[in-house]
Amino acid sequence: MNLSEKILTTVASLPESKQVEVLDFIEYLKLKTEKEESGEWNNFSIATAMRGMENEESNYSFTDLKETY
Protein backbone atom coordinates (compact mmCIF):
# COMPACT_ATOMS: atom_id res chain seq x y z
CA MET A 1 0.00 0.00 0.00
CA ASN A 2 1.48 3.35 -1.01
CA LEU A 3 1.21 6.54 1.03
CA SER A 4 -1.81 7.95 -0.84
CA GLU A 5 -3.76 4.72 -0.36
CA LYS A 6 -2.85 4.62 3.34
CA ILE A 7 -4.05 8.22 3.79
CA LEU A 8 -7.33 7.49 1.97
CA THR A 9 -7.95 4.36 4.04
CA THR A 10 -7.23 6.15 7.30
CA VAL A 11 -9.40 9.15 6.44
CA ALA A 12 -12.25 6.89 5.29
CA SER A 13 -12.27 5.24 8.71
CA LEU A 14 -12.91 8.56 10.47
CA PRO A 15 -16.35 10.04 11.14
CA GLU A 16 -17.50 12.54 8.52
CA SER A 17 -16.99 15.53 10.84
CA LYS A 18 -13.32 14.55 11.23
CA GLN A 19 -13.00 14.01 7.49
CA VAL A 20 -14.10 17.63 7.02
CA GLU A 21 -11.33 18.73 9.41
CA VAL A 22 -8.79 16.67 7.47
CA LEU A 23 -9.95 18.27 4.21
CA ASP A 24 -9.63 21.75 5.74
CA PHE A 25 -6.09 20.95 6.85
CA ILE A 26 -5.15 19.57 3.43
CA GLU A 27 -6.47 22.73 1.75
CA TYR A 28 -4.48 24.85 4.22
CA LEU A 29 -1.28 22.92 3.44
CA LYS A 30 -1.91 23.26 -0.29
CA LEU A 31 -2.41 27.03 -0.02
CA LYS A 32 0.70 27.37 2.15
CA THR A 33 2.77 25.41 -0.39
CA GLU A 34 1.48 27.54 -3.28
CA LYS A 35 2.39 30.74 -1.40
CA GLU A 36 5.89 29.45 -0.63
CA GLU A 37 6.45 28.47 -4.26
CA SER A 38 5.15 31.84 -5.43
CA GLY A 39 7.51 33.65 -3.04
CA GLU A 40 10.47 31.61 -4.24
CA TRP A 41 9.58 32.42 -7.86
CA ASN A 42 9.24 36.15 -7.06
CA ASN A 43 12.65 36.21 -5.35
CA PHE A 44 14.23 34.38 -8.28
CA SER A 45 12.58 36.71 -10.77
CA ILE A 46 13.78 39.87 -9.01
CA ALA A 47 17.27 38.47 -8.54
CA THR A 48 17.45 37.55 -12.22
CA ALA A 49 16.19 40.97 -13.33
CA MET A 50 18.71 42.78 -11.11
CA ARG A 51 21.66 40.52 -11.95
CA GLY A 52 24.71 42.58 -12.83
CA MET A 53 23.30 45.77 -11.33
CA GLU A 54 24.49 45.19 -7.75
CA ASN A 55 27.41 47.62 -8.02
CA GLU A 56 25.72 50.29 -10.13
CA GLU A 57 25.49 53.74 -8.65
CA SER A 58 21.94 54.87 -7.92
CA ASN A 59 20.47 58.04 -9.38
CA TYR A 60 18.31 58.44 -6.29
CA SER A 61 18.88 59.23 -2.62
CA PHE A 62 16.83 58.89 0.55
CA THR A 63 15.58 62.46 0.12
CA ASP A 64 13.89 61.36 -3.10
CA LEU A 65 11.76 58.96 -1.05
CA LYS A 66 10.11 61.71 1.00
CA GLU A 67 6.55 62.64 0.18
CA THR A 68 5.64 66.29 0.16
CA TYR A 69 2.16 67.74 0.20
C-alpha atoms as a PDB file:
ATOM      1  CA  MET A   1       0.000   0.000   0.000  1.00  0.00           C
ATOM      2  CA  ASN A   2       1.481   3.352  -1.011  1.00  0.00           C
ATOM      3  CA  LEU A   3       1.205   6.540   1.035  1.00  0.00           C
ATOM      4  CA  SER A   4      -1.809   7.946  -0.842  1.00  0.00           C
ATOM      5  CA  GLU A   5      -3.760   4.722  -0.359  1.00  0.00           C
ATOM      6  CA  LYS A   6      -2.853   4.624   3.338  1.00  0.00           C
ATOM      7  CA  ILE A   7      -4.046   8.225   3.788  1.00  0.00           C
ATOM      8  CA  LEU A   8      -7.330   7.489   1.975  1.00  0.00           C
ATOM      9  CA  THR A   9      -7.950   4.358   4.042  1.00  0.00           C
ATOM     10  CA  THR A  10      -7.226   6.146   7.303  1.00  0.00           C
ATOM     11  CA  VAL A  11      -9.402   9.145   6.443  1.00  0.00           C
ATOM     12  CA  ALA A  12     -12.248   6.891   5.288  1.00  0.00           C
ATOM     13  CA  SER A  13     -12.270   5.241   8.708  1.00  0.00           C
ATOM     14  CA  LEU A  14     -12.913   8.557  10.466  1.00  0.00           C
ATOM     15  CA  PRO A  15     -16.347  10.040  11.143  1.00  0.00           C
ATOM     16  CA  GLU A  16     -17.499  12.544   8.517  1.00  0.00           C
ATOM     17  CA  SER A  17     -16.987  15.532  10.836  1.00  0.00           C
ATOM     18  CA  LYS A  18     -13.317  14.545  11.233  1.00  0.00           C
ATOM     19  CA  GLN A  19     -12.998  14.009   7.490  1.00  0.00           C
ATOM     20  CA  VAL A  20     -14.097  17.626   7.025  1.00  0.00           C
ATOM     21  CA  GLU A  21     -11.329  18.729   9.415  1.00  0.00           C
ATOM     22  CA  VAL A  22      -8.789  16.668   7.465  1.00  0.00           C
ATOM     23  CA  LEU A  23      -9.948  18.267   4.213  1.00  0.00           C
ATOM     24  CA  ASP A  24      -9.633  21.751   5.737  1.00  0.00           C
ATOM     25  CA  PHE A  25      -6.093  20.950   6.849  1.00  0.00           C
ATOM     26  CA  ILE A  26      -5.149  19.574   3.431  1.00  0.00           C
ATOM     27  CA  GLU A  27      -6.468  22.728   1.753  1.00  0.00           C
ATOM     28  CA  TYR A  28      -4.483  24.851   4.220  1.00  0.00           C
ATOM     29  CA  LEU A  29      -1.284  22.925   3.436  1.00  0.00           C
ATOM     30  CA  LYS A  30      -1.912  23.262  -0.295  1.00  0.00           C
ATOM     31  CA  LEU A  31      -2.409  27.029  -0.024  1.00  0.00           C
ATOM     32  CA  LYS A  32       0.695  27.367   2.153  1.00  0.00           C
ATOM     33  CA  THR A  33       2.765  25.405  -0.388  1.00  0.00           C
ATOM     34  CA  GLU A  34       1.481  27.536  -3.280  1.00  0.00           C
ATOM     35  CA  LYS A  35       2.390  30.737  -1.403  1.00  0.00           C
ATOM     36  CA  GLU A  36       5.887  29.447  -0.630  1.00  0.00           C
ATOM     37  CA  GLU A  37       6.451  28.471  -4.256  1.00  0.00           C
ATOM     38  CA  SER A  38       5.152  31.843  -5.430  1.00  0.00           C
ATOM     39  CA  GLY A  39       7.505  33.654  -3.041  1.00  0.00           C
ATOM     40  CA  GLU A  40      10.468  31.606  -4.235  1.00  0.00           C
ATOM     41  CA  TRP A  41       9.582  32.424  -7.857  1.00  0.00           C
ATOM     42  CA  ASN A  42       9.245  36.148  -7.060  1.00  0.00           C
ATOM     43  CA  ASN A  43      12.647  36.214  -5.353  1.00  0.00           C
ATOM     44  CA  PHE A  44      14.230  34.380  -8.276  1.00  0.00           C
ATOM     45  CA  SER A  45      12.580  36.707 -10.774  1.00  0.00           C
ATOM     46  CA  ILE A  46      13.780  39.866  -9.009  1.00  0.00           C
ATOM     47  CA  ALA A  47      17.275  38.468  -8.543  1.00  0.00           C
ATOM     48  CA  THR A  48      17.451  37.554 -12.222  1.00  0.00           C
ATOM     49  CA  ALA A  49      16.187  40.972 -13.331  1.00  0.00           C
ATOM     50  CA  MET A  50      18.709  42.779 -11.113  1.00  0.00           C
ATOM     51  CA  ARG A  51      21.660  40.519 -11.948  1.00  0.00           C
ATOM     52  CA  GLY A  52      24.713  42.578 -12.829  1.00  0.00           C
ATOM     53  CA  MET A  53      23.305  45.769 -11.330  1.00  0.00           C
ATOM     54  CA  GLU A  54      24.486  45.189  -7.747  1.00  0.00           C
ATOM     55  CA  ASN A  55      27.411  47.620  -8.023  1.00  0.00           C
ATOM     56  CA  GLU A  56      25.725  50.292 -10.130  1.00  0.00           C
ATOM     57  CA  GLU A  57      25.486  53.743  -8.652  1.00  0.00           C
ATOM     58  CA  SER A  58      21.943  54.868  -7.920  1.00  0.00           C
ATOM     59  CA  ASN A  59      20.473  58.036  -9.384  1.00  0.00           C
ATOM     60  CA  TYR A  60      18.309  58.445  -6.293  1.00  0.00           C
ATOM     61  CA  SER A  61      18.883  59.232  -2.620  1.00  0.00           C
ATOM     62  CA  PHE A  62      16.831  58.886   0.551  1.00  0.00           C
ATOM     63  CA  THR A  63      15.576  62.457   0.121  1.00  0.00           C
ATOM     64  CA  ASP A  64      13.891  61.362  -3.105  1.00  0.00           C
ATOM     65  CA  LEU A  65      11.757  58.959  -1.052  1.00  0.00           C
ATOM     66  CA  LYS A  66      10.115  61.709   1.004  1.00  0.00           C
ATOM     67  CA  GLU A  67       6.554  62.641   0.177  1.00  0.00           C
ATOM     68  CA  THR A  68       5.636  66.293   0.161  1.00  0.00           C
ATOM     69  CA  TYR A  69       2.160  67.743   0.203  1.00  0.00           C
END
